[in-house]
């Protein structure tokens, strides 16, 4: 499962980089400029996603998630609503990997710096 998460993160970063590269290339920029922009934009997106996952793992968004969960539970399921401490305990059991997108994003940002320095 860990290898799949790494490959998914790398693939999504490279796919976004390719899209940004062709958009920049169509505007007439140089090769290294396009490569630097592509790697930087996908690196920032991945590192930002990892940062948000890190914050969510620490419980920053728990109250917001609980309120939305309670709203949908009451509105659609008509079930007994669990209390906030129960909800928080159940959320802590879920495993969240935030290091993979942060590391992948950092590698892409470093690659962007290398492409910026090369020409």
Protein backbone atom coordinates (compact mmCIF):
# COMPACT_ATOMS: atom_id res chain seq x y z
CA UNK A 1 0.00 0.00 0.00
CA UNK A 2 2.85 2.40 0.78
CA UNK A 3 4.45 1.79 -2.64
CA UNK A 4 1.13 2.48 -4.33
CA UNK A 5 0.84 5.82 -2.50
CA UNK A 6 4.35 6.80 -3.56
CA UNK A 7 3.69 5.89 -7.20
CA UNK A 8 0.35 7.70 -7.15
CA UNK A 9 1.97 10.82 -5.75
CA UNK A 10 4.86 10.76 -8.24
CA UNK A 11 2.53 10.06 -11.17
CA UNK A 12 0.17 12.90 -10.27
CA UNK A 13 3.11 15.29 -9.86
CA UNK A 14 4.59 14.31 -13.21
CA UNK A 15 1.21 14.51 -14.96
CA UNK A 16 0.62 18.02 -13.63
CA UNK A 17 4.19 18.96 -14.61
CA UNK A 18 3.65 17.76 -18.18
CA UNK A 19 0.43 19.76 -18.47
CA UNK A 20 2.07 22.95 -17.17
CA UNK A 21 5.11 22.33 -19.40
CA UNK A 22 3.01 22.23 -22.57
CA UNK A 23 1.01 25.28 -21.53
CA UNK A 24 4.22 27.24 -20.94
CA UNK A 25 5.85 25.88 -24.10
CA UNK A 26 2.90 27.12 -26.15
CA UNK A 27 3.48 30.64 -24.84
CA UNK A 28 6.98 30.75 -26.32
CA UNK A 29 9.17 30.44 -23.23
CA UNK A 30 12.54 28.65 -23.30
CA UNK A 31 12.96 24.97 -22.47
CA UNK A 32 14.54 25.38 -19.02
CA UNK A 33 12.09 28.11 -18.08
CA UNK A 34 9.19 25.76 -18.93
CA UNK A 35 10.76 22.87 -17.02
CA UNK A 36 11.37 25.07 -13.99
CA UNK A 37 7.80 26.39 -13.98
CA UNK A 38 6.34 22.91 -14.44
CA UNK A 39 8.34 21.35 -11.61
CA UNK A 40 7.77 24.28 -9.26
CA UNK A 41 4.01 24.44 -9.72
CA UNK A 42 3.50 20.70 -9.23
CA UNK A 43 5.94 20.66 -6.31
CA UNK A 44 4.08 23.44 -4.52
CA UNK A 45 0.75 21.68 -5.12
CA UNK A 46 2.05 18.39 -3.69
CA UNK A 47 3.84 19.99 -0.74
CA UNK A 48 0.74 22.07 0.04
CA UNK A 49 -1.42 18.94 -0.06
CA UNK A 50 1.00 17.24 2.32
CA UNK A 51 0.88 20.26 4.62
CA UNK A 52 -2.91 20.18 4.71
CA UNK A 53 -2.85 16.44 5.43
CA UNK A 54 -0.39 17.09 8.25
CA UNK A 55 -2.67 19.75 9.73
CA UNK A 56 -5.69 17.46 9.41
CA UNK A 57 -3.82 14.65 11.11
CA UNK A 58 -3.04 16.97 14.05
CA UNK A 59 -6.76 17.73 14.46
CA UNK A 60 -6.96 21.25 13.08
CA UNK A 61 -10.06 20.53 10.99
CA UNK A 62 -11.78 18.02 13.32
CA UNK A 63 -14.56 20.33 14.46
CA UNK A 64 -15.36 21.37 10.90
CA UNK A 65 -15.42 17.74 9.71
CA UNK A 66 -17.58 16.77 12.69
CA UNK A 67 -20.13 19.47 11.97
CA UNK A 68 -20.48 18.46 8.31
CA UNK A 69 -20.65 14.78 9.28
CA UNK A 70 -23.35 15.52 11.87
CA UNK A 71 -25.34 17.59 9.40
CA UNK A 72 -25.43 14.79 6.84
CA UNK A 73 -26.05 12.12 9.46
CA UNK A 74 -29.06 13.96 10.85
CA UNK A 75 -30.40 15.06 7.47
CA UNK A 76 -30.06 11.92 5.35
CA UNK A 77 -29.42 8.87 7.52
CA UNK A 78 -31.68 9.69 10.45
CA UNK A 79 -29.29 7.84 12.75
CA UNK A 80 -28.11 8.63 16.22
CA UNK A 81 -25.40 11.21 16.05
CA UNK A 82 -22.15 10.36 17.82
CA UNK A 83 -20.60 12.88 20.18
CA UNK A 84 -17.53 14.89 19.26
CA UNK A 85 -15.13 12.88 21.50
CA UNK A 86 -16.40 9.63 19.92
CA UNK A 87 -15.99 11.08 16.43
CA UNK A 88 -12.51 12.33 17.25
CA UNK A 89 -11.48 8.92 18.63
CA UNK A 90 -12.76 7.20 15.48
CA UNK A 91 -10.87 9.63 13.24
CA UNK A 92 -7.60 9.04 15.09
CA UNK A 93 -7.72 5.36 14.12
CA UNK A 94 -7.42 6.19 10.42
CA UNK A 95 -3.88 6.20 9.06
CA UNK A 96 -2.89 9.26 7.00
CA UNK A 97 0.41 9.45 5.15
CA UNK A 98 1.45 13.08 4.78
CA UNK A 99 5.18 12.60 4.24
CA UNK A 100 4.90 11.18 0.72
CA UNK A 101 3.43 14.32 -0.92
CA UNK A 102 5.70 16.60 1.13
CA UNK A 103 8.86 14.75 0.07
CA UNK A 104 7.74 14.42 -3.55
CA UNK A 105 6.88 18.12 -3.64
CA UNK A 106 10.25 19.04 -2.12
CA UNK A 107 12.08 16.95 -4.74
CA UNK A 108 10.15 18.66 -7.53
CA UNK A 109 10.90 22.10 -6.07
CA UNK A 110 14.61 21.24 -5.87
CA UNK A 111 14.45 20.02 -9.47
CA UNK A 112 12.85 23.35 -10.37
CA UNK A 113 15.76 25.20 -8.77
CA UNK A 114 18.21 23.08 -10.75
CA UNK A 115 16.40 23.92 -14.01
CA UNK A 116 16.41 27.58 -13.02
CA UNK A 117 20.18 27.58 -12.46
CA UNK A 118 21.18 25.50 -15.52
CA UNK A 119 20.91 28.02 -18.39
